[in-house]
Amino acid sequence: MAKGATKAAPAGLDIPTIDDVRAAAGVIRGAVERTPTHYSRTLSKLAGCDIYLKFENLQFTSSFKERGAVNKLMSLTPEERRRGVVAMSAGNHAQAVAYHGGRLGIPTTMVMPEFAPFV
């Protein structure tokens, strides 16, 4: 694929644009931690390229999943917020939805498989 070219999205899916990312950043500003990135000498050497790690473990739930969860919760209409949300997750996503739902006063129900690992 040529530099600057974009790959077509599968039917029914939209590929987010840089404007979408910037809009989401504005929505979640102040709701999640702004986490640093650091250059990893070890991984860069192993991979033969520059690798930077983003420290999303500094989020309240220790996961990047907070970003998407709070962005979606903030997009709900007042009626949708009143009705609440249901999410299926075996871990980090459930924590993010439950945490930010509680913070925003949105009722949440998490559905987890019985076989989800305790870690």
PDB file of N, CA and C in Angstrom:
ATOM      1  N   MET A   1       0.854  -1.170   0.000  1.00  0.00           N
ATOM      2  CA  MET A   1       0.000   0.000   0.000  1.00  0.00           C
ATOM      3  C   MET A   1       0.900   1.233   0.000  1.00  0.00           C
ATOM      4  N   ALA A   2       0.560   2.219  -0.778  1.00  0.00           N
ATOM      5  CA  ALA A   2       1.360   3.435  -0.882  1.00  0.00           C
ATOM      6  C   ALA A   2       1.291   4.242   0.404  1.00  0.00           C
ATOM      7  N   LYS A   3       2.391   4.948   0.683  1.00  0.00           N
ATOM      8  CA  LYS A   3       2.427   5.791   1.879  1.00  0.00           C
ATOM      9  C   LYS A   3       1.297   6.816   1.816  1.00  0.00           C
ATOM     10  N   GLY A   4       0.585   6.958   2.925  1.00  0.00           N
ATOM     11  CA  GLY A   4      -0.518   7.922   2.989  1.00  0.00           C
ATOM     12  C   GLY A   4      -1.853   7.351   2.543  1.00  0.00           C
ATOM     13  N   ALA A   5      -1.824   6.166   1.901  1.00  0.00           N
ATOM     14  CA  ALA A   5      -3.066   5.544   1.461  1.00  0.00           C
ATOM     15  C   ALA A   5      -3.782   4.937   2.664  1.00  0.00           C
ATOM     16  N   THR A   6      -5.076   4.867   2.598  1.00  0.00           N
ATOM     17  CA  THR A   6      -5.833   4.247   3.684  1.00  0.00           C
ATOM     18  C   THR A   6      -6.484   2.976   3.177  1.00  0.00           C
ATOM     19  N   LYS A   7      -6.573   2.016   4.043  1.00  0.00           N
ATOM     20  CA  LYS A   7      -7.193   0.745   3.715  1.00  0.00           C
ATOM     21  C   LYS A   7      -8.704   0.883   3.891  1.00  0.00           C
ATOM     22  N   ALA A   8      -9.451   0.312   2.982  1.00  0.00           N
ATOM     23  CA  ALA A   8     -10.909   0.373   3.087  1.00  0.00           C
ATOM     24  C   ALA A   8     -11.367  -0.449   4.291  1.00  0.00           C
ATOM     25  N   ALA A   9     -12.368   0.068   4.988  1.00  0.00           N
ATOM     26  CA  ALA A   9     -12.917  -0.633   6.151  1.00  0.00           C
ATOM     27  C   ALA A   9     -13.818  -1.764   5.681  1.00  0.00           C
ATOM     28  N   PRO A  10     -13.893  -2.838   6.466  1.00  0.00           N
ATOM     29  CA  PRO A  10     -14.853  -3.899   6.149  1.00  0.00           C
ATOM     30  C   PRO A  10     -16.268  -3.322   6.127  1.00  0.00           C
ATOM     31  N   ALA A  11     -17.145  -3.958   5.400  1.00  0.00           N
ATOM     32  CA  ALA A  11     -18.532  -3.486   5.274  1.00  0.00           C
ATOM     33  C   ALA A  11     -19.139  -3.239   6.644  1.00  0.00           C
ATOM     34  N   GLY A  12     -19.756  -2.076   6.817  1.00  0.00           N
ATOM     35  CA  GLY A  12     -20.437  -1.745   8.052  1.00  0.00           C
ATOM     36  C   GLY A  12     -19.554  -1.136   9.123  1.00  0.00           C
ATOM     37  N   LEU A  13     -18.254  -1.040   8.879  1.00  0.00           N
ATOM     38  CA  LEU A  13     -17.336  -0.462   9.863  1.00  0.00           C
ATOM     39  C   LEU A  13     -16.705   0.813   9.318  1.00  0.00           C
ATOM     40  N   ASP A  14     -16.510   1.766  10.187  1.00  0.00           N
ATOM     41  CA  ASP A  14     -15.850   3.005   9.805  1.00  0.00           C
ATOM     42  C   ASP A  14     -14.461   3.037  10.412  1.00  0.00           C
ATOM     43  N   ILE A  15     -13.489   3.487   9.655  1.00  0.00           N
ATOM     44  CA  ILE A  15     -12.150   3.683  10.183  1.00  0.00           C
ATOM     45  C   ILE A  15     -12.106   5.091  10.761  1.00  0.00           C
ATOM     46  N   PRO A  16     -11.749   5.223  12.044  1.00  0.00           N
ATOM     47  CA  PRO A  16     -11.691   6.565  12.645  1.00  0.00           C
ATOM     48  C   PRO A  16     -10.654   7.444  11.941  1.00  0.00           C
ATOM     49  N   THR A  17     -10.977   8.705  11.815  1.00  0.00           N
ATOM     50  CA  THR A  17     -10.053   9.678  11.234  1.00  0.00           C
ATOM     51  C   THR A  17      -9.306  10.374  12.364  1.00  0.00           C
ATOM     52  N   ILE A  18      -8.291  11.134  12.009  1.00  0.00           N
ATOM     53  CA  ILE A  18      -7.564  11.910  13.018  1.00  0.00           C
ATOM     54  C   ILE A  18      -8.509  12.911  13.690  1.00  0.00           C
ATOM     55  N   ASP A  19      -9.486  13.414  12.956  1.00  0.00           N
ATOM     56  CA  ASP A  19     -10.465  14.321  13.561  1.00  0.00           C
ATOM     57  C   ASP A  19     -11.320  13.598  14.599  1.00  0.00           C
ATOM     58  N   ASP A  20     -11.660  12.326  14.327  1.00  0.00           N
ATOM     59  CA  ASP A  20     -12.396  11.525  15.311  1.00  0.00           C
ATOM     60  C   ASP A  20     -11.573  11.352  16.584  1.00  0.00           C
ATOM     61  N   VAL A  21     -10.284  11.074  16.425  1.00  0.00           N
ATOM     62  CA  VAL A  21      -9.395  10.880  17.573  1.00  0.00           C
ATOM     63  C   VAL A  21      -9.281  12.175  18.371  1.00  0.00           C
ATOM     64  N   ARG A  22      -9.149  13.283  17.680  1.00  0.00           N
ATOM     65  CA  ARG A  22      -9.049  14.587  18.375  1.00  0.00           C
ATOM     66  C   ARG A  22     -10.345  14.919  19.106  1.00  0.00           C
ATOM     67  N   ALA A  23     -11.478  14.601  18.491  1.00  0.00           N
ATOM     68  CA  ALA A  23     -12.769  14.861  19.145  1.00  0.00           C
ATOM     69  C   ALA A  23     -12.899  14.011  20.409  1.00  0.00           C
ATOM     70  N   ALA A  24     -12.526  12.737  20.318  1.00  0.00           N
ATOM     71  CA  ALA A  24     -12.587  11.854  21.492  1.00  0.00           C
ATOM     72  C   ALA A  24     -11.654  12.353  22.585  1.00  0.00           C
ATOM     73  N   ALA A  25     -10.480  12.828  22.207  1.00  0.00           N
ATOM     74  CA  ALA A  25      -9.532  13.359  23.204  1.00  0.00           C
ATOM     75  C   ALA A  25     -10.157  14.523  23.963  1.00  0.00           C
ATOM     76  N   GLY A  26     -10.912  15.357  23.263  1.00  0.00           N
ATOM     77  CA  GLY A  26     -11.587  16.465  23.928  1.00  0.00           C
ATOM     78  C   GLY A  26     -12.669  15.990  24.882  1.00  0.00           C
ATOM     79  N   VAL A  27     -13.399  14.951  24.484  1.00  0.00           N
ATOM     80  CA  VAL A  27     -14.474  14.414  25.325  1.00  0.00           C
ATOM     81  C   VAL A  27     -13.924  13.817  26.612  1.00  0.00           C
ATOM     82  N   ILE A  28     -12.826  13.074  26.519  1.00  0.00           N
ATOM     83  CA  ILE A  28     -12.314  12.350  27.690  1.00  0.00           C
ATOM     84  C   ILE A  28     -11.336  13.172  28.527  1.00  0.00           C
ATOM     85  N   ARG A  29     -10.957  14.345  28.035  1.00  0.00           N
ATOM     86  CA  ARG A  29     -10.003  15.185  28.787  1.00  0.00           C
ATOM     87  C   ARG A  29     -10.532  15.430  30.199  1.00  0.00           C
ATOM     88  N   GLY A  30      -9.704  15.140  31.172  1.00  0.00           N
ATOM     89  CA  GLY A  30     -10.079  15.334  32.567  1.00  0.00           C
ATOM     90  C   GLY A  30     -10.765  14.128  33.196  1.00  0.00           C
ATOM     91  N   ALA A  31     -11.224  13.182  32.355  1.00  0.00           N
ATOM     92  CA  ALA A  31     -11.898  11.995  32.876  1.00  0.00           C
ATOM     93  C   ALA A  31     -10.942  10.817  33.033  1.00  0.00           C
ATOM     94  N   VAL A  32      -9.840  10.858  32.301  1.00  0.00           N
ATOM     95  CA  VAL A  32      -8.812   9.808  32.387  1.00  0.00           C
ATOM     96  C   VAL A  32      -7.459  10.487  32.566  1.00  0.00           C
ATOM     97  N   GLU A  33      -6.502   9.703  33.013  1.00  0.00           N
ATOM     98  CA  GLU A  33      -5.150  10.229  33.187  1.00  0.00           C
ATOM     99  C   GLU A  33      -4.494  10.454  31.825  1.00  0.00           C
ATOM    100  N   ARG A  34      -3.714  11.494  31.744  1.00  0.00           N
ATOM    101  CA  ARG A  34      -2.882  11.700  30.558  1.00  0.00           C
ATOM    102  C   ARG A  34      -1.572  10.977  30.852  1.00  0.00           C
ATOM    103  N   THR A  35      -1.387   9.828  30.227  1.00  0.00           N
ATOM    104  CA  THR A  35      -0.276   8.958  30.582  1.00  0.00           C
ATOM    105  C   THR A  35       0.946   9.207  29.691  1.00  0.00           C
ATOM    106  N   PRO A  36       2.132   9.056  30.270  1.00  0.00           N
ATOM    107  CA  PRO A  36       3.354   9.306  29.512  1.00  0.00           C
ATOM    108  C   PRO A  36       3.740   8.123  28.615  1.00  0.00           C
ATOM    109  N   THR A  37       4.593   8.405  27.656  1.00  0.00           N
ATOM    110  CA  THR A  37       5.251   7.364  26.875  1.00  0.00           C
ATOM    111  C   THR A  37       6.738   7.447  27.170  1.00  0.00           C
ATOM    112  N   HIS A  38       7.386   6.300  27.160  1.00  0.00           N
ATOM    113  CA  HIS A  38       8.832   6.255  27.383  1.00  0.00           C
ATOM    114  C   HIS A  38       9.471   5.325  26.367  1.00  0.00           C
ATOM    115  N   TYR A  39      10.627   5.733  25.909  1.00  0.00           N
ATOM    116  CA  TYR A  39      11.408   4.931  24.975  1.00  0.00           C
ATOM    117  C   TYR A  39      11.925   3.689  25.692  1.00  0.00           C
ATOM    118  N   SER A  40      11.781   2.543  25.055  1.00  0.00           N
ATOM    119  CA  SER A  40      12.291   1.296  25.626  1.00  0.00           C
ATOM    120  C   SER A  40      13.550   0.880  24.874  1.00  0.00           C
ATOM    121  N   ARG A  41      14.692   1.019  25.533  1.00  0.00           N
ATOM    122  CA  ARG A  41      15.958   0.614  24.896  1.00  0.00           C
ATOM    123  C   ARG A  41      15.967  -0.884  24.631  1.00  0.00           C
ATOM    124  N   THR A  42      15.505  -1.666  25.611  1.00  0.00           N
ATOM    125  CA  THR A  42      15.551  -3.119  25.482  1.00  0.00           C
ATOM    126  C   THR A  42      14.677  -3.603  24.330  1.00  0.00           C
ATOM    127  N   LEU A  43      13.405  -3.208  24.301  1.00  0.00           N
ATOM    128  CA  LEU A  43      12.518  -3.661  23.229  1.00  0.00           C
ATOM    129  C   LEU A  43      12.942  -3.103  21.878  1.00  0.00           C
ATOM    130  N   SER A  44      13.429  -1.872  21.854  1.00  0.00           N
ATOM    131  CA  SER A  44      13.906  -1.284  20.600  1.00  0.00           C
ATOM    132  C   SER A  44      15.070  -2.091  20.034  1.00  0.00           C
ATOM    133  N   LYS A  45      15.992  -2.484  20.909  1.00  0.00           N
ATOM    134  CA  LYS A  45      17.146  -3.284  20.471  1.00  0.00           C
ATOM    135  C   LYS A  45      16.682  -4.644  19.961  1.00  0.00           C
ATOM    136  N   LEU A  46      15.787  -5.295  20.700  1.00  0.00           N
ATOM    137  CA  LEU A  46      15.290  -6.603  20.288  1.00  0.00           C
ATOM    138  C   LEU A  46      14.547  -6.544  18.953  1.00  0.00           C
ATOM    139  N   ALA A  47      13.764  -5.497  18.743  1.00  0.00           N
ATOM    140  CA  ALA A  47      12.935  -5.390  17.539  1.00  0.00           C
ATOM    141  C   ALA A  47      13.656  -4.725  16.372  1.00  0.00           C
ATOM    142  N   GLY A  48      14.766  -4.054  16.652  1.00  0.00           N
ATOM    143  CA  GLY A  48      15.487  -3.379  15.580  1.00  0.00           C
ATOM    144  C   GLY A  48      14.807  -2.112  15.091  1.00  0.00           C
ATOM    145  N   CYS A  49      14.007  -1.510  15.951  1.00  0.00           N
ATOM    146  CA  CYS A  49      13.339  -0.251  15.619  1.00  0.00           C
ATOM    147  C   CYS A  49      13.048   0.489  16.926  1.00  0.00           C
ATOM    148  N   ASP A  50      12.612   1.730  16.828  1.00  0.00           N
ATOM    149  CA  ASP A  50      12.305   2.508  18.028  1.00  0.00           C
ATOM    150  C   ASP A  50      10.934   2.111  18.573  1.00  0.00           C
ATOM    151  N   ILE A  51      10.904   1.713  19.822  1.00  0.00           N
ATOM    152  CA  ILE A  51       9.646   1.336  20.474  1.00  0.00           C
ATOM    153  C   ILE A  51       9.443   2.200  21.705  1.00  0.00           C
ATOM    154  N   TYR A  52       8.265   2.796  21.783  1.00  0.00           N
ATOM    155  CA  TYR A  52       7.872   3.604  22.931  1.00  0.00           C
ATOM    156  C   TYR A  52       6.717   2.905  23.623  1.00  0.00           C
ATOM    157  N   LEU A  53       6.732   2.878  24.926  1.00  0.00           N
ATOM    158  CA  LEU A  53       5.673   2.261  25.715  1.00  0.00           C
ATOM    159  C   LEU A  53       4.793   3.337  26.331  1.00  0.00           C
ATOM    160  N   LYS A  54       3.496   3.144  26.255  1.00  0.00           N
ATOM    161  CA  LYS A  54       2.538   4.081  26.847  1.00  0.00           C
ATOM    162  C   LYS A  54       2.083   3.493  28.165  1.00  0.00           C
ATOM    163  N   PHE A  55       2.209   4.232  29.222  1.00  0.00           N
ATOM    164  CA  PHE A  55       1.971   3.725  30.564  1.00  0.00           C
ATOM    165  C   PHE A  55       0.507   3.851  30.988  1.00  0.00           C
ATOM    166  N   GLU A  56      -0.347   3.078  30.312  1.00  0.00           N
ATOM    167  CA  GLU A  56      -1.776   3.084  30.625  1.00  0.00           C
ATOM    168  C   GLU A  56      -2.067   2.412  31.961  1.00  0.00           C
ATOM    169  N   ASN A  57      -1.075   1.728  32.533  1.00  0.00           N
ATOM    170  CA  ASN A  57      -1.253   1.144  33.863  1.00  0.00           C
ATOM    171  C   ASN A  57      -1.428   2.229  34.924  1.00  0.00           C
ATOM    172  N   LEU A  58      -1.229   3.488  34.568  1.00  0.00           N
ATOM    173  CA  LEU A  58      -1.435   4.593  35.506  1.00  0.00           C
ATOM    174  C   LEU A  58      -2.894   5.039  35.563  1.00  0.00           C
ATOM    175  N   GLN A  59      -3.749   4.479  34.690  1.00  0.00           N
ATOM    176  CA  GLN A  59      -5.177   4.784  34.761  1.00  0.00           C
ATOM    177  C   GLN A  59      -5.736   4.189  36.054  1.00  0.00           C
ATOM    178  N   PHE A  60      -6.876   4.674  36.498  1.00  0.00           N
ATOM    179  CA  PHE A  60      -7.490   4.182  37.730  1.00  0.00           C
ATOM    180  C   PHE A  60      -7.687   2.669  37.679  1.00  0.00           C
ATOM    181  N   THR A  61      -8.133   2.157  36.524  1.00  0.00           N
ATOM    182  CA  THR A  61      -8.364   0.716  36.389  1.00  0.00           C
ATOM    183  C   THR A  61      -7.155  -0.009  35.799  1.00  0.00           C
ATOM    184  N   SER A  62      -6.056   0.691  35.637  1.00  0.00           N
ATOM    185  CA  SER A  62      -4.803   0.134  35.114  1.00  0.00           C
ATOM    186  C   SER A  62      -4.903  -0.363  33.678  1.00  0.00           C
ATOM    187  N   SER A  63      -5.756   0.255  32.878  1.00  0.00           N
ATOM    188  CA  SER A  63      -5.938  -0.213  31.509  1.00  0.00           C
ATOM    189  C   SER A  63      -6.335   0.931  30.581  1.00  0.00           C
ATOM    190  N   PHE A  64      -5.924   0.810  29.319  1.00  0.00           N
ATOM    191  CA  PHE A  64      -6.310   1.777  28.292  1.00  0.00           C
ATOM    192  C   PHE A  64      -7.799   1.711  27.994  1.00  0.00           C
ATOM    193  N   LYS A  65      -8.479   0.677  28.449  1.00  0.00           N
ATOM    194  CA  LYS A  65      -9.897   0.495  28.144  1.00  0.00           C
ATOM    195  C   LYS A  65     -10.755   1.651  28.662  1.00  0.00           C
ATOM    196  N   GLU A  66     -10.244   2.390  29.638  1.00  0.00           N
ATOM    197  CA  GLU A  66     -10.995   3.532  30.166  1.00  0.00           C
ATOM    198  C   GLU A  66     -11.295   4.549  29.075  1.00  0.00           C
ATOM    199  N   ARG A  67     -10.357   4.744  28.170  1.00  0.00           N
ATOM    200  CA  ARG A  67     -10.531   5.769  27.138  1.00  0.00           C
ATOM    201  C   ARG A  67     -11.783   5.522  26.302  1.00  0.00           C
ATOM    202  N   GLY A  68     -11.933   4.308  25.783  1.00  0.00           N
ATOM    203  CA  GLY A  68     -13.103   3.987  24.961  1.00  0.00           C
ATOM    204  C   GLY A  68     -14.383   3.946  25.767  1.00  0.00           C
ATOM    205  N   ALA A  69     -14.287   3.417  26.987  1.00  0.00           N
ATOM    206  CA  ALA A  69     -15.494   3.305  27.812  1.00  0.00           C
ATOM    207  C   ALA A  69     -16.059   4.681  28.148  1.00  0.00           C
ATOM    208  N   VAL A  70     -15.217   5.574  28.628  1.00  0.00           N
ATOM    209  CA  VAL A  70     -15.734   6.892  29.016  1.00  0.00           C
ATOM    210  C   VAL A  70     -16.159   7.696  27.785  1.00  0.00           C
ATOM    211  N   ASN A  71     -15.475   7.532  26.668  1.00  0.00           N
ATOM    212  CA  ASN A  71     -15.883   8.226  25.444  1.00  0.00           C
ATOM    213  C   ASN A  71     -17.292   7.805  25.046  1.00  0.00           C
ATOM    214  N   LYS A  72     -17.564   6.503  25.088  1.00  0.00           N
ATOM    215  CA  LYS A  72     -18.902   6.015  24.731  1.00  0.00           C
ATOM    216  C   LYS A  72     -19.941   6.460  25.751  1.00  0.00           C
ATOM    217  N   LEU A  73     -19.647   6.315  27.029  1.00  0.00           N
ATOM    218  CA  LEU A  73     -20.606   6.714  28.066  1.00  0.00           C
ATOM    219  C   LEU A  73     -20.953   8.198  27.957  1.00  0.00           C
ATOM    220  N   MET A  74     -19.978   9.020  27.638  1.00  0.00           N
ATOM    221  CA  MET A  74     -20.230  10.464  27.516  1.00  0.00           C
ATOM    222  C   MET A  74     -21.093  10.788  26.295  1.00  0.00           C
ATOM    223  N   SER A  75     -21.171   9.857  25.333  1.00  0.00           N
ATOM    224  CA  SER A  75     -21.956  10.113  24.119  1.00  0.00           C
ATOM    225  C   SER A  75     -23.427   9.740  24.281  1.00  0.00           C
ATOM    226  N   LEU A  76     -23.781   9.118  25.400  1.00  0.00           N
ATOM    227  CA  LEU A  76     -25.160   8.680  25.593  1.00  0.00           C
ATOM    228  C   LEU A  76     -26.105   9.856  25.801  1.00  0.00           C
ATOM    229  N   THR A  77     -27.316   9.710  25.298  1.00  0.00           N
ATOM    230  CA  THR A  77     -28.347  10.720  25.511  1.00  0.00           C
ATOM    231  C   THR A  77     -28.820  10.638  26.969  1.00  0.00           C
ATOM    232  N   PRO A  78     -29.493  11.662  27.472  1.00  0.00           N
ATOM    233  CA  PRO A  78     -30.020  11.577  28.840  1.00  0.00           C
ATOM    234  C   PRO A  78     -30.913  10.349  29.056  1.00  0.00           C
ATOM    235  N   GLU A  79     -31.729   9.994  28.064  1.00  0.00           N
ATOM    236  CA  GLU A  79     -32.598   8.818  28.185  1.00  0.00           C
ATOM    237  C   GLU A  79     -31.769   7.537  28.242  1.00  0.00           C
ATOM    238  N   GLU A  80     -30.740   7.439  27.406  1.00  0.00           N
ATOM    239  CA  GLU A  80     -29.874   6.256  27.423  1.00  0.00           C
ATOM    240  C   GLU A  80     -29.127   6.156  28.758  1.00  0.00           C
ATOM    241  N   ARG A  81     -28.688   7.285  29.276  1.00  0.00           N
ATOM    242  CA  ARG A  81     -28.011   7.286  30.575  1.00  0.00           C
ATOM    243  C   ARG A  81     -28.947   6.800  31.678  1.00  0.00           C
ATOM    244  N   ARG A  82     -30.196   7.233  31.619  1.00  0.00           N
ATOM    245  CA  ARG A  82     -31.177   6.829  32.632  1.00  0.00           C
ATOM    246  C   ARG A  82     -31.410   5.325  32.581  1.00  0.00           C
ATOM    247  N   ARG A  83     -31.494   4.758  31.356  1.00  0.00           N
ATOM    248  CA  ARG A  83     -31.735   3.322  31.206  1.00  0.00           C
ATOM    249  C   ARG A  83     -30.515   2.495  31.608  1.00  0.00           C
ATOM    250  N   GLY A  84     -29.326   3.051  31.469  1.00  0.00           N
ATOM    251  CA  GLY A  84     -28.113   2.338  31.837  1.00  0.00           C
ATOM    252  C   GLY A  84     -27.526   1.531  30.697  1.00  0.00           C
ATOM    253  N   VAL A  85     -26.430   0.864  30.998  1.00  0.00           N
ATOM    254  CA  VAL A  85     -25.732   0.086  29.982  1.00  0.00           C
ATOM    255  C   VAL A  85     -25.445  -1.329  30.489  1.00  0.00           C
ATOM    256  N   VAL A  86     -25.338  -2.241  29.543  1.00  0.00           N
ATOM    257  CA  VAL A  86     -24.944  -3.617  29.815  1.00  0.00           C
ATOM    258  C   VAL A  86     -23.724  -3.882  28.945  1.00  0.00           C
ATOM    259  N   ALA A  87     -22.696  -4.469  29.534  1.00  0.00           N
ATOM    260  CA  ALA A  87     -21.488  -4.784  28.774  1.00  0.00           C
ATOM    261  C   ALA A  87     -21.030  -6.193  29.100  1.00  0.00           C
ATOM    262  N   MET A  88     -20.475  -6.857  28.120  1.00  0.00           N
ATOM    263  CA  MET A  88     -19.913  -8.208  28.305  1.00  0.00           C
ATOM    264  C   MET A  88     -18.403  -8.065  28.282  1.00  0.00           C
ATOM    265  N   SER A  89     -17.766  -8.538  29.328  1.00  0.00           N
ATOM    266  CA  SER A  89     -16.313  -8.437  29.403  1.00  0.00           C
ATOM    267  C   SER A  89     -15.780  -9.428  30.414  1.00  0.00           C
ATOM    268  N   ALA A  90     -14.566  -9.871  30.150  1.00  0.00           N
ATOM    269  CA  ALA A  90     -13.907 -10.768  31.097  1.00  0.00           C
ATOM    270  C   ALA A  90     -12.878 -10.018  31.930  1.00  0.00           C
ATOM    271  N   GLY A  91     -12.939  -8.697  31.971  1.00  0.00           N
ATOM    272  CA  GLY A  91     -11.946  -8.004  32.788  1.00  0.00           C
ATOM    273  C   GLY A  91     -11.872  -6.501  32.656  1.00  0.00           C
ATOM    274  N   ASN A  92     -10.857  -6.020  31.949  1.00  0.00           N
ATOM    275  CA  ASN A  92     -10.537  -4.591  31.930  1.00  0.00           C
ATOM    276  C   ASN A  92     -11.672  -3.711  31.419  1.00  0.00           C
ATOM    277  N   HIS A  93     -12.350  -4.149  30.366  1.00  0.00           N
ATOM    278  CA  HIS A  93     -13.446  -3.343  29.828  1.00  0.00           C
ATOM    279  C   HIS A  93     -14.570  -3.219  30.854  1.00  0.00           C
ATOM    280  N   ALA A  94     -14.887  -4.310  31.529  1.00  0.00           N
ATOM    281  CA  ALA A  94     -15.928  -4.276  32.566  1.00  0.00           C
ATOM    282  C   ALA A  94     -15.550  -3.303  33.667  1.00  0.00           C
ATOM    283  N   GLN A  95     -14.309  -3.336  34.098  1.00  0.00           N
ATOM    284  CA  GLN A  95     -13.865  -2.423  35.150  1.00  0.00           C
ATOM    285  C   GLN A  95     -14.011  -0.971  34.706  1.00  0.00           C
ATOM    286  N   ALA A  96     -13.624  -0.684  33.464  1.00  0.00           N
ATOM    287  CA  ALA A  96     -13.699   0.688  32.961  1.00  0.00           C
ATOM    288  C   ALA A  96     -15.139   1.168  32.852  1.00  0.00           C
ATOM    289  N   VAL A  97     -16.022   0.335  32.310  1.00  0.00           N
ATOM    290  CA  VAL A  97     -17.436   0.718  32.172  1.00  0.00           C
ATOM    291  C   VAL A  97     -18.066   0.906  33.550  1.00  0.00           C
ATOM    292  N   ALA A  98     -17.818  -0.026  34.464  1.00  0.00           N
ATOM    293  CA  ALA A  98     -18.405   0.070  35.801  1.00  0.00           C
ATOM    294  C   ALA A  98     -17.883   1.301  36.539  1.00  0.00           C
ATOM    295  N   TYR A  99     -16.583   1.543  36.476  1.00  0.00           N
ATOM    296  CA  TYR A  99     -16.000   2.688  37.178  1.00  0.00           C
ATOM    297  C   TYR A  99     -16.556   4.003  36.649  1.00  0.00           C
ATOM    298  N   HIS A 100     -16.491   4.205  35.339  1.00  0.00           N
ATOM    299  CA  HIS A 100     -16.944   5.480  34.784  1.00  0.00           C
ATOM    300  C   HIS A 100     -18.464   5.597  34.779  1.00  0.00           C
ATOM    301  N   GLY A 101     -19.165   4.477  34.649  1.00  0.00           N
ATOM    302  CA  GLY A 101     -20.620   4.525  34.793  1.00  0.00           C
ATOM    303  C   GLY A 101     -20.995   5.016  36.176  1.00  0.00           C
ATOM    304  N   GLY A 102     -20.351   4.474  37.198  1.00  0.00           N
ATOM    305  CA  GLY A 102     -20.606   4.925  38.567  1.00  0.00           C
ATOM    306  C   GLY A 102     -20.241   6.382  38.767  1.00  0.00           C
ATOM    307  N   ARG A 103     -19.119   6.782  38.207  1.00  0.00           N
ATOM    308  CA  ARG A 103     -18.658   8.172  38.337  1.00  0.00           C
ATOM    309  C   ARG A 103     -19.631   9.145  37.680  1.00  0.00           C
ATOM    310  N   LEU A 104     -20.240   8.700  36.569  1.00  0.00           N
ATOM    311  CA  LEU A 104     -21.163   9.558  35.819  1.00  0.00           C
ATOM    312  C   LEU A 104     -22.623   9.365  36.222  1.00  0.00           C
ATOM    313  N   GLY A 105     -22.899   8.460  37.177  1.00  0.00           N
ATOM    314  CA  GLY A 105     -24.272   8.216  37.609  1.00  0.00           C
ATOM    315  C   GLY A 105     -25.079   7.399  36.613  1.00  0.00           C
ATOM    316  N   ILE A 106     -24.404   6.594  35.803  1.00  0.00           N
ATOM    317  CA  ILE A 106     -25.076   5.753  34.812  1.00  0.00           C
ATOM    318  C   ILE A 106     -25.124   4.324  35.354  1.00  0.00           C
ATOM    319  N   PRO A 107     -26.323   3.740  35.498  1.00  0.00           N
ATOM    320  CA  PRO A 107     -26.402   2.358  35.970  1.00  0.00           C
ATOM    321  C   PRO A 107     -25.691   1.416  34.993  1.00  0.00           C
ATOM    322  N   THR A 108     -24.910   0.490  35.516  1.00  0.00           N
ATOM    323  CA  THR A 108     -24.192  -0.455  34.661  1.00  0.00           C
ATOM    324  C   THR A 108     -24.415  -1.875  35.137  1.00  0.00           C
ATOM    325  N   THR A 109     -24.481  -2.774  34.181  1.00  0.00           N
ATOM    326  CA  THR A 109     -24.541  -4.201  34.461  1.00  0.00           C
ATOM    327  C   THR A 109     -23.432  -4.849  33.653  1.00  0.00           C
ATOM    328  N   MET A 110     -22.563  -5.580  34.344  1.00  0.00           N
ATOM    329  CA  MET A 110     -21.470  -6.275  33.669  1.00  0.00           C
ATOM    330  C   MET A 110     -21.793  -7.749  33.604  1.00  0.00           C
ATOM    331  N   VAL A 111     -21.639  -8.340  32.453  1.00  0.00           N
ATOM    332  CA  VAL A 111     -21.855  -9.769  32.251  1.00  0.00           C
ATOM    333  C   VAL A 111     -20.485 -10.385  32.019  1.00  0.00           C
ATOM    334  N   MET A 112     -20.119 -11.318  32.908  1.00  0.00           N
ATOM    335  CA  MET A 112     -18.822 -11.978  32.792  1.00  0.00           C
ATOM    336  C   MET A 112     -19.025 -13.481  32.682  1.00  0.00           C
ATOM    337  N   PRO A 113     -18.254 -14.126  31.821  1.00  0.00           N
ATOM    338  CA  PRO A 113     -18.352 -15.591  31.746  1.00  0.00           C
ATOM    339  C   PRO A 113     -17.912 -16.236  33.054  1.00  0.00           C
ATOM    340  N   GLU A 114     -18.511 -17.339  33.408  1.00  0.00           N
ATOM    341  CA  GLU A 114     -18.131 -18.046  34.643  1.00  0.00           C
ATOM    342  C   GLU A 114     -16.673 -18.490  34.614  1.00  0.00           C
ATOM    343  N   PHE A 115     -16.142 -18.720  33.420  1.00  0.00           N
ATOM    344  CA  PHE A 115     -14.780 -19.228  33.285  1.00  0.00           C
ATOM    345  C   PHE A 115     -13.733 -18.124  33.198  1.00  0.00           C
ATOM    346  N   ALA A 116     -14.115 -16.864  33.449  1.00  0.00           N
ATOM    347  CA  ALA A 116     -13.144 -15.773  33.385  1.00  0.00           C
ATOM    348  C   ALA A 116     -12.056 -15.982  34.438  1.00  0.00           C
ATOM    349  N   PRO A 117     -10.793 -15.794  34.059  1.00  0.00           N
ATOM    350  CA  PRO A 117      -9.725 -15.987  35.046  1.00  0.00           C
ATOM    351  C   PRO A 117      -9.764 -14.924  36.126  1.00  0.00           C
ATOM    352  N   PHE A 118      -9.372 -15.299  37.343  1.00  0.00           N
ATOM    353  CA  PHE A 118      -9.404 -14.354  38.449  1.00  0.00           C
ATOM    354  C   PHE A 118      -8.344 -13.268  38.338  1.00  0.00           C
ATOM    355  N   VAL A 119      -7.294 -13.486  37.565  1.00  0.00           N
ATOM    356  CA  VAL A 119      -6.250 -12.470  37.426  1.00  0.00           C
ATOM    357  C   VAL A 119      -6.807 -11.289  36.674  1.00  0.00           C
TER     358      VAL A 119
END
